[in-house]
Amino acid sequence: MKLFELLNNQKTDERIAQIVQFVGTDNDLFQELMTLFFEGSNRISHTASWVILQLVEENP
């Protein structure tokens, strides 16, 4: 499943955890996540922000 599709689904704690695990420490996926955060719709940006927060807390 692509990152955009994951972000576009309903935002739940389980979905956020799934995306965090999917992105992990992959720099390319993190870059894609940041691009979606800055250039995506409000819904995508909002969900991406939750994922980014979790990733940064887990991988300072």
C-alpha atoms as a PDB file:
ATOM      1  CA  MET A   1       0.000   0.000   0.000  1.00  0.00           C
ATOM      2  CA  LYS A   2       1.353   3.414  -0.890  1.00  0.00           C
ATOM      3  CA  LEU A   3       2.011   6.088   1.711  1.00  0.00           C
ATOM      4  CA  PHE A   4      -0.599   8.435   0.241  1.00  0.00           C
ATOM      5  CA  GLU A   5      -3.260   5.726   0.496  1.00  0.00           C
ATOM      6  CA  LEU A   6      -2.337   5.020   4.101  1.00  0.00           C
ATOM      7  CA  LEU A   7      -2.551   8.704   4.981  1.00  0.00           C
ATOM      8  CA  ASN A   8      -5.832   9.128   3.126  1.00  0.00           C
ATOM      9  CA  ASN A   9      -7.634   6.445   5.150  1.00  0.00           C
ATOM     10  CA  GLN A  10      -9.491   7.231   8.341  1.00  0.00           C
ATOM     11  CA  LYS A  11      -7.117   8.480  11.035  1.00  0.00           C
ATOM     12  CA  THR A  12      -7.034   6.136  14.031  1.00  0.00           C
ATOM     13  CA  ASP A  13      -4.331   5.351  16.547  1.00  0.00           C
ATOM     14  CA  GLU A  14      -3.871   1.972  14.874  1.00  0.00           C
ATOM     15  CA  ARG A  15      -3.527   3.583  11.428  1.00  0.00           C
ATOM     16  CA  ILE A  16      -0.935   6.069  12.716  1.00  0.00           C
ATOM     17  CA  ALA A  17       1.050   3.221  14.294  1.00  0.00           C
ATOM     18  CA  GLN A  18       0.859   1.271  11.029  1.00  0.00           C
ATOM     19  CA  ILE A  19       2.211   4.219   9.022  1.00  0.00           C
ATOM     20  CA  VAL A  20       4.968   4.879  11.590  1.00  0.00           C
ATOM     21  CA  GLN A  21       6.046   1.250  11.296  1.00  0.00           C
ATOM     22  CA  PHE A  22       5.817   1.418   7.491  1.00  0.00           C
ATOM     23  CA  VAL A  23       8.032   4.515   7.256  1.00  0.00           C
ATOM     24  CA  GLY A  24      10.385   3.464  10.059  1.00  0.00           C
ATOM     25  CA  THR A  25      13.863   4.844   9.420  1.00  0.00           C
ATOM     26  CA  ASP A  26      13.590   4.804   5.619  1.00  0.00           C
ATOM     27  CA  ASN A  27      14.837   8.230   4.488  1.00  0.00           C
ATOM     28  CA  ASP A  28      13.066   8.040   1.118  1.00  0.00           C
ATOM     29  CA  LEU A  29       9.708   7.304   2.738  1.00  0.00           C
ATOM     30  CA  PHE A  30      10.279  10.049   5.300  1.00  0.00           C
ATOM     31  CA  GLN A  31      11.008  12.495   2.475  1.00  0.00           C
ATOM     32  CA  GLU A  32       7.790  11.414   0.732  1.00  0.00           C
ATOM     33  CA  LEU A  33       5.928  11.885   4.019  1.00  0.00           C
ATOM     34  CA  MET A  34       7.322  15.414   4.378  1.00  0.00           C
ATOM     35  CA  THR A  35       6.351  16.241   0.794  1.00  0.00           C
ATOM     36  CA  LEU A  36       2.805  15.027   1.444  1.00  0.00           C
ATOM     37  CA  PHE A  37       2.739  17.067   4.663  1.00  0.00           C
ATOM     38  CA  PHE A  38       3.693  20.285   2.876  1.00  0.00           C
ATOM     39  CA  GLU A  39       1.874  19.757  -0.419  1.00  0.00           C
ATOM     40  CA  GLY A  40      -1.066  17.502   0.457  1.00  0.00           C
ATOM     41  CA  SER A  41      -4.648  18.391   1.264  1.00  0.00           C
ATOM     42  CA  ASN A  42      -5.590  19.459   4.768  1.00  0.00           C
ATOM     43  CA  ARG A  43      -6.640  15.907   5.615  1.00  0.00           C
ATOM     44  CA  ILE A  44      -3.367  14.397   4.365  1.00  0.00           C
ATOM     45  CA  SER A  45      -1.264  17.094   6.074  1.00  0.00           C
ATOM     46  CA  HIS A  46      -3.084  16.611   9.366  1.00  0.00           C
ATOM     47  CA  THR A  47      -2.567  12.855   9.397  1.00  0.00           C
ATOM     48  CA  ALA A  48       1.040  13.240   8.233  1.00  0.00           C
ATOM     49  CA  SER A  49       1.708  15.599  11.134  1.00  0.00           C
ATOM     50  CA  TRP A  50       0.664  12.909  13.625  1.00  0.00           C
ATOM     51  CA  VAL A  51       2.947  10.394  11.923  1.00  0.00           C
ATOM     52  CA  ILE A  52       5.879  12.837  11.832  1.00  0.00           C
ATOM     53  CA  LEU A  53       5.448  13.550  15.549  1.00  0.00           C
ATOM     54  CA  GLN A  54       5.558   9.842  16.380  1.00  0.00           C
ATOM     55  CA  LEU A  55       8.576   9.236  14.139  1.00  0.00           C
ATOM     56  CA  VAL A  56      10.519  12.116  15.651  1.00  0.00           C
ATOM     57  CA  GLU A  57       9.720  10.969  19.186  1.00  0.00           C
ATOM     58  CA  GLU A  58      10.890   7.425  18.388  1.00  0.00           C
ATOM     59  CA  ASN A  59      13.935   8.473  16.317  1.00  0.00           C
ATOM     60  CA  PRO A  60      15.255  11.788  17.660  1.00  0.00           C
END
